[in-house]
Amino acid sequence: MFSQGVRAGSTVYVSGMVGVDPQSGSRPESIEGQTLQALRNGEAVLRAAGCALDDVALVTVLLAHPPDFAGMNEAYAQVFPQDPPARAVARLGPELPGILVSIMMTAHVPD
């Protein structure tokens, strides 16, 4: 079983979202495209739980290829241009064909 997100009290934990469009199953080839799609996917889970990207306190980014950091960071800055949440970046453990990034989020549900 897999939960895309779990709400525990006023906190929402979003599982590792990858850069695959849930409607079409397609994925961008670039790290920038996959980062943007993964963040969109996470945003949809947050909305379903009653919060938004502005409520995110912590993001964990897992990269398949650490040299992709600059491209990921460029796309990430488009979504969080000012006052970004705390962030950690590490290497993605399993090799998943065609997957360049996985993004987890922790958010606080507003009162």
N, C-alpha and C. Protein backbone atom coordinates (compact mmCIF):
# COMPACT_ATOMS: atom_id res chain seq x y z
N MET A 1 0.84 -1.19 0.00
CA MET A 1 0.00 0.00 0.00
C MET A 1 0.88 1.24 0.00
N PHE A 2 0.32 2.32 -0.53
CA PHE A 2 1.05 3.58 -0.65
C PHE A 2 0.09 4.73 -0.38
N SER A 3 0.43 5.60 0.55
CA SER A 3 -0.35 6.80 0.82
C SER A 3 0.40 8.00 0.23
N GLN A 4 -0.30 8.77 -0.58
CA GLN A 4 0.34 9.96 -1.15
C GLN A 4 0.58 11.01 -0.09
N GLY A 5 -0.26 11.00 0.91
CA GLY A 5 -0.11 11.95 2.00
C GLY A 5 -0.90 11.49 3.20
N VAL A 6 -0.46 11.92 4.37
CA VAL A 6 -1.14 11.57 5.61
C VAL A 6 -1.26 12.84 6.45
N ARG A 7 -2.45 13.05 6.98
CA ARG A 7 -2.66 14.17 7.90
C ARG A 7 -2.67 13.61 9.31
N ALA A 8 -1.82 14.18 10.16
CA ALA A 8 -1.76 13.81 11.58
C ALA A 8 -1.96 15.09 12.38
N GLY A 9 -3.15 15.28 12.88
CA GLY A 9 -3.47 16.53 13.57
C GLY A 9 -3.42 17.68 12.59
N SER A 10 -2.59 18.66 12.89
CA SER A 10 -2.49 19.83 12.01
C SER A 10 -1.29 19.75 11.08
N THR A 11 -0.70 18.57 10.96
CA THR A 11 0.46 18.38 10.09
C THR A 11 0.12 17.44 8.94
N VAL A 12 0.60 17.79 7.75
CA VAL A 12 0.42 16.94 6.57
C VAL A 12 1.80 16.49 6.11
N TYR A 13 1.94 15.18 5.93
CA TYR A 13 3.17 14.59 5.42
C TYR A 13 2.90 14.09 4.01
N VAL A 14 3.59 14.64 3.04
CA VAL A 14 3.42 14.24 1.64
C VAL A 14 4.54 13.28 1.29
N SER A 15 4.15 12.11 0.79
CA SER A 15 5.12 11.09 0.39
C SER A 15 5.98 11.59 -0.76
N GLY A 16 7.01 10.85 -1.08
CA GLY A 16 7.89 11.21 -2.18
C GLY A 16 7.15 11.27 -3.51
N MET A 17 6.98 12.47 -4.02
CA MET A 17 6.31 12.67 -5.30
C MET A 17 7.36 12.69 -6.41
N VAL A 18 7.11 11.96 -7.46
CA VAL A 18 8.02 11.95 -8.60
C VAL A 18 7.45 12.81 -9.72
N GLY A 19 8.25 13.07 -10.72
CA GLY A 19 7.88 13.96 -11.81
C GLY A 19 7.12 13.29 -12.93
N VAL A 20 6.08 12.55 -12.58
CA VAL A 20 5.24 11.88 -13.57
C VAL A 20 3.85 12.50 -13.51
N ASP A 21 3.31 12.87 -14.66
CA ASP A 21 1.96 13.43 -14.72
C ASP A 21 0.96 12.32 -14.38
N PRO A 22 0.14 12.50 -13.33
CA PRO A 22 -0.77 11.43 -12.93
C PRO A 22 -1.89 11.16 -13.94
N GLN A 23 -2.20 12.13 -14.78
CA GLN A 23 -3.25 11.95 -15.79
C GLN A 23 -2.76 11.15 -16.99
N SER A 24 -1.61 11.54 -17.51
CA SER A 24 -1.13 10.93 -18.76
C SER A 24 -0.09 9.84 -18.53
N GLY A 25 0.54 9.86 -17.35
CA GLY A 25 1.61 8.91 -17.09
C GLY A 25 2.93 9.31 -17.74
N SER A 26 2.94 10.46 -18.40
CA SER A 26 4.17 10.91 -19.06
C SER A 26 5.07 11.62 -18.05
N ARG A 27 6.33 11.70 -18.39
CA ARG A 27 7.27 12.41 -17.53
C ARG A 27 8.23 13.22 -18.40
N PRO A 28 8.56 14.42 -17.95
CA PRO A 28 9.55 15.21 -18.67
C PRO A 28 10.91 14.51 -18.65
N GLU A 29 11.73 14.80 -19.61
CA GLU A 29 13.07 14.21 -19.67
C GLU A 29 14.07 14.96 -18.80
N SER A 30 13.81 16.26 -18.56
CA SER A 30 14.79 17.09 -17.86
C SER A 30 14.54 17.10 -16.36
N ILE A 31 15.58 17.38 -15.60
CA ILE A 31 15.44 17.52 -14.15
C ILE A 31 14.54 18.69 -13.80
N GLU A 32 14.61 19.77 -14.58
CA GLU A 32 13.76 20.92 -14.32
C GLU A 32 12.29 20.54 -14.49
N GLY A 33 11.98 19.86 -15.57
CA GLY A 33 10.60 19.45 -15.83
C GLY A 33 10.08 18.48 -14.79
N GLN A 34 10.91 17.52 -14.42
CA GLN A 34 10.47 16.54 -13.42
C GLN A 34 10.32 17.20 -12.04
N THR A 35 11.18 18.16 -11.72
CA THR A 35 11.06 18.86 -10.44
C THR A 35 9.75 19.63 -10.38
N LEU A 36 9.44 20.37 -11.43
CA LEU A 36 8.18 21.13 -11.47
C LEU A 36 6.98 20.20 -11.37
N GLN A 37 7.00 19.08 -12.07
CA GLN A 37 5.88 18.14 -12.03
C GLN A 37 5.75 17.52 -10.64
N ALA A 38 6.87 17.15 -10.03
CA ALA A 38 6.83 16.57 -8.67
C ALA A 38 6.25 17.57 -7.68
N LEU A 39 6.63 18.83 -7.80
CA LEU A 39 6.09 19.86 -6.91
C LEU A 39 4.60 20.07 -7.17
N ARG A 40 4.16 20.03 -8.42
CA ARG A 40 2.72 20.13 -8.74
C ARG A 40 1.96 18.95 -8.12
N ASN A 41 2.54 17.77 -8.23
CA ASN A 41 1.90 16.58 -7.66
C ASN A 41 1.77 16.72 -6.14
N GLY A 42 2.83 17.21 -5.50
CA GLY A 42 2.77 17.44 -4.06
C GLY A 42 1.75 18.50 -3.69
N GLU A 43 1.66 19.54 -4.50
CA GLU A 43 0.69 20.60 -4.26
C GLU A 43 -0.74 20.06 -4.29
N ALA A 44 -1.01 19.13 -5.21
CA ALA A 44 -2.35 18.54 -5.29
C ALA A 44 -2.68 17.75 -4.01
N VAL A 45 -1.70 17.05 -3.47
CA VAL A 45 -1.91 16.31 -2.22
C VAL A 45 -2.16 17.29 -1.08
N LEU A 46 -1.40 18.36 -1.04
CA LEU A 46 -1.59 19.38 -0.01
C LEU A 46 -2.99 19.98 -0.07
N ARG A 47 -3.44 20.32 -1.27
CA ARG A 47 -4.79 20.89 -1.44
C ARG A 47 -5.85 19.94 -0.92
N ALA A 48 -5.70 18.65 -1.24
CA ALA A 48 -6.67 17.65 -0.78
C ALA A 48 -6.71 17.57 0.75
N ALA A 49 -5.62 17.93 1.39
CA ALA A 49 -5.53 17.88 2.85
C ALA A 49 -5.88 19.22 3.51
N GLY A 50 -6.22 20.22 2.71
CA GLY A 50 -6.64 21.50 3.26
C GLY A 50 -5.55 22.53 3.44
N CYS A 51 -4.44 22.36 2.74
CA CYS A 51 -3.39 23.38 2.84
C CYS A 51 -2.79 23.65 1.47
N ALA A 52 -1.74 24.47 1.44
CA ALA A 52 -1.16 24.91 0.17
C ALA A 52 0.36 24.95 0.29
N LEU A 53 1.02 25.28 -0.79
CA LEU A 53 2.48 25.37 -0.78
C LEU A 53 2.99 26.38 0.25
N ASP A 54 2.22 27.44 0.50
CA ASP A 54 2.62 28.44 1.49
C ASP A 54 2.67 27.86 2.90
N ASP A 55 2.03 26.72 3.11
CA ASP A 55 1.99 26.09 4.43
C ASP A 55 3.11 25.07 4.63
N VAL A 56 3.93 24.87 3.61
CA VAL A 56 5.01 23.89 3.69
C VAL A 56 6.13 24.42 4.57
N ALA A 57 6.55 23.60 5.53
CA ALA A 57 7.63 23.98 6.44
C ALA A 57 8.94 23.30 6.08
N LEU A 58 8.86 22.10 5.50
CA LEU A 58 10.07 21.33 5.20
C LEU A 58 9.89 20.56 3.91
N VAL A 59 10.90 20.60 3.07
CA VAL A 59 10.93 19.83 1.82
C VAL A 59 12.20 18.98 1.83
N THR A 60 12.03 17.73 1.45
CA THR A 60 13.18 16.85 1.27
C THR A 60 13.21 16.45 -0.19
N VAL A 61 14.32 16.75 -0.85
CA VAL A 61 14.49 16.44 -2.27
C VAL A 61 15.49 15.30 -2.39
N LEU A 62 15.11 14.26 -3.11
CA LEU A 62 16.00 13.14 -3.38
C LEU A 62 16.32 13.13 -4.86
N LEU A 63 17.60 13.24 -5.18
CA LEU A 63 18.05 13.30 -6.58
C LEU A 63 18.67 11.97 -7.00
N ALA A 64 18.29 11.49 -8.16
CA ALA A 64 18.90 10.28 -8.71
C ALA A 64 20.35 10.55 -9.07
N HIS A 65 20.63 11.75 -9.55
CA HIS A 65 21.98 12.13 -9.99
C HIS A 65 22.36 13.45 -9.33
N PRO A 66 23.21 13.42 -8.31
CA PRO A 66 23.57 14.66 -7.61
C PRO A 66 24.02 15.81 -8.52
N PRO A 67 24.66 15.57 -9.67
CA PRO A 67 25.01 16.69 -10.55
C PRO A 67 23.79 17.46 -11.08
N ASP A 68 22.57 16.91 -10.92
CA ASP A 68 21.36 17.60 -11.35
C ASP A 68 20.91 18.68 -10.37
N PHE A 69 21.70 18.90 -9.30
CA PHE A 69 21.29 19.85 -8.27
C PHE A 69 20.96 21.23 -8.84
N ALA A 70 21.81 21.77 -9.69
CA ALA A 70 21.60 23.13 -10.22
C ALA A 70 20.27 23.23 -10.97
N GLY A 71 19.97 22.26 -11.82
CA GLY A 71 18.71 22.29 -12.56
C GLY A 71 17.51 22.14 -11.65
N MET A 72 17.61 21.25 -10.66
CA MET A 72 16.53 21.09 -9.69
C MET A 72 16.33 22.39 -8.94
N ASN A 73 17.41 23.00 -8.51
CA ASN A 73 17.34 24.23 -7.71
C ASN A 73 16.70 25.37 -8.51
N GLU A 74 17.00 25.43 -9.79
CA GLU A 74 16.42 26.46 -10.67
C GLU A 74 14.89 26.30 -10.74
N ALA A 75 14.43 25.08 -10.94
CA ALA A 75 12.98 24.83 -11.01
C ALA A 75 12.33 25.04 -9.65
N TYR A 76 12.98 24.59 -8.60
CA TYR A 76 12.47 24.74 -7.24
C TYR A 76 12.24 26.21 -6.92
N ALA A 77 13.17 27.07 -7.33
CA ALA A 77 13.06 28.50 -7.07
C ALA A 77 11.88 29.14 -7.79
N GLN A 78 11.40 28.53 -8.86
CA GLN A 78 10.20 29.03 -9.54
C GLN A 78 8.96 28.81 -8.68
N VAL A 79 8.93 27.73 -7.93
CA VAL A 79 7.78 27.39 -7.10
C VAL A 79 7.86 28.07 -5.73
N PHE A 80 9.07 28.18 -5.19
CA PHE A 80 9.30 28.83 -3.90
C PHE A 80 10.26 30.00 -4.10
N PRO A 81 9.77 31.10 -4.74
CA PRO A 81 10.69 32.19 -5.09
C PRO A 81 11.14 33.04 -3.90
N GLN A 82 10.31 33.13 -2.86
CA GLN A 82 10.67 33.94 -1.69
C GLN A 82 10.27 33.19 -0.43
N ASP A 83 11.05 33.37 0.61
CA ASP A 83 10.80 32.71 1.89
C ASP A 83 10.52 31.22 1.73
N PRO A 84 11.43 30.50 1.09
CA PRO A 84 11.20 29.07 0.88
C PRO A 84 11.23 28.30 2.19
N PRO A 85 10.60 27.12 2.20
CA PRO A 85 10.65 26.29 3.40
C PRO A 85 12.06 25.75 3.63
N ALA A 86 12.29 25.22 4.82
CA ALA A 86 13.55 24.53 5.08
C ALA A 86 13.66 23.38 4.09
N ARG A 87 14.89 23.02 3.72
CA ARG A 87 15.05 21.99 2.70
C ARG A 87 16.29 21.15 2.95
N ALA A 88 16.16 19.88 2.64
CA ALA A 88 17.30 18.96 2.65
C ALA A 88 17.35 18.30 1.28
N VAL A 89 18.55 18.03 0.80
CA VAL A 89 18.73 17.36 -0.48
C VAL A 89 19.68 16.18 -0.26
N ALA A 90 19.28 15.03 -0.78
CA ALA A 90 20.11 13.82 -0.65
C ALA A 90 19.98 13.01 -1.94
N ARG A 91 20.73 11.97 -1.99
CA ARG A 91 20.69 11.08 -3.16
C ARG A 91 19.54 10.08 -3.01
N LEU A 92 18.80 9.88 -4.09
CA LEU A 92 17.73 8.89 -4.14
C LEU A 92 18.36 7.51 -4.13
N GLY A 93 17.94 6.67 -3.19
CA GLY A 93 18.55 5.35 -3.04
C GLY A 93 18.28 4.39 -4.18
N PRO A 94 17.02 4.00 -4.41
CA PRO A 94 16.77 3.02 -5.46
C PRO A 94 16.89 3.65 -6.85
N GLU A 95 17.31 2.86 -7.80
CA GLU A 95 17.34 3.33 -9.19
C GLU A 95 16.00 3.01 -9.82
N LEU A 96 15.25 4.06 -10.12
CA LEU A 96 13.94 3.91 -10.73
C LEU A 96 14.06 4.39 -12.18
N PRO A 97 13.76 3.53 -13.13
CA PRO A 97 13.95 3.90 -14.55
C PRO A 97 13.28 5.22 -14.92
N GLY A 98 14.07 6.16 -15.39
CA GLY A 98 13.55 7.44 -15.88
C GLY A 98 13.20 8.44 -14.80
N ILE A 99 13.30 8.08 -13.53
CA ILE A 99 12.95 9.00 -12.44
C ILE A 99 14.21 9.72 -11.99
N LEU A 100 14.15 11.05 -12.05
CA LEU A 100 15.30 11.87 -11.70
C LEU A 100 15.20 12.50 -10.31
N VAL A 101 13.97 12.62 -9.78
CA VAL A 101 13.77 13.32 -8.51
C VAL A 101 12.54 12.79 -7.79
N SER A 102 12.60 12.82 -6.47
CA SER A 102 11.46 12.50 -5.61
C SER A 102 11.44 13.58 -4.54
N ILE A 103 10.24 14.14 -4.29
CA ILE A 103 10.14 15.27 -3.37
C ILE A 103 9.10 14.99 -2.30
N MET A 104 9.52 15.08 -1.03
CA MET A 104 8.63 14.93 0.12
C MET A 104 8.41 16.29 0.75
N MET A 105 7.24 16.49 1.36
CA MET A 105 6.93 17.76 2.00
C MET A 105 6.26 17.52 3.35
N THR A 106 6.49 18.47 4.26
CA THR A 106 5.78 18.50 5.52
C THR A 106 5.17 19.88 5.64
N ALA A 107 3.85 19.91 5.90
CA ALA A 107 3.15 21.19 5.95
C ALA A 107 2.27 21.26 7.20
N HIS A 108 1.94 22.48 7.57
CA HIS A 108 1.06 22.74 8.70
C HIS A 108 -0.28 23.21 8.15
N VAL A 109 -1.36 22.57 8.57
CA VAL A 109 -2.69 22.96 8.12
C VAL A 109 -3.08 24.23 8.87
N PRO A 110 -3.45 25.28 8.15
CA PRO A 110 -3.84 26.53 8.84
C PRO A 110 -5.12 26.34 9.64
N ASP A 111 -5.24 27.16 10.70
CA ASP A 111 -6.45 27.11 11.56
C ASP A 111 -7.66 27.58 10.81
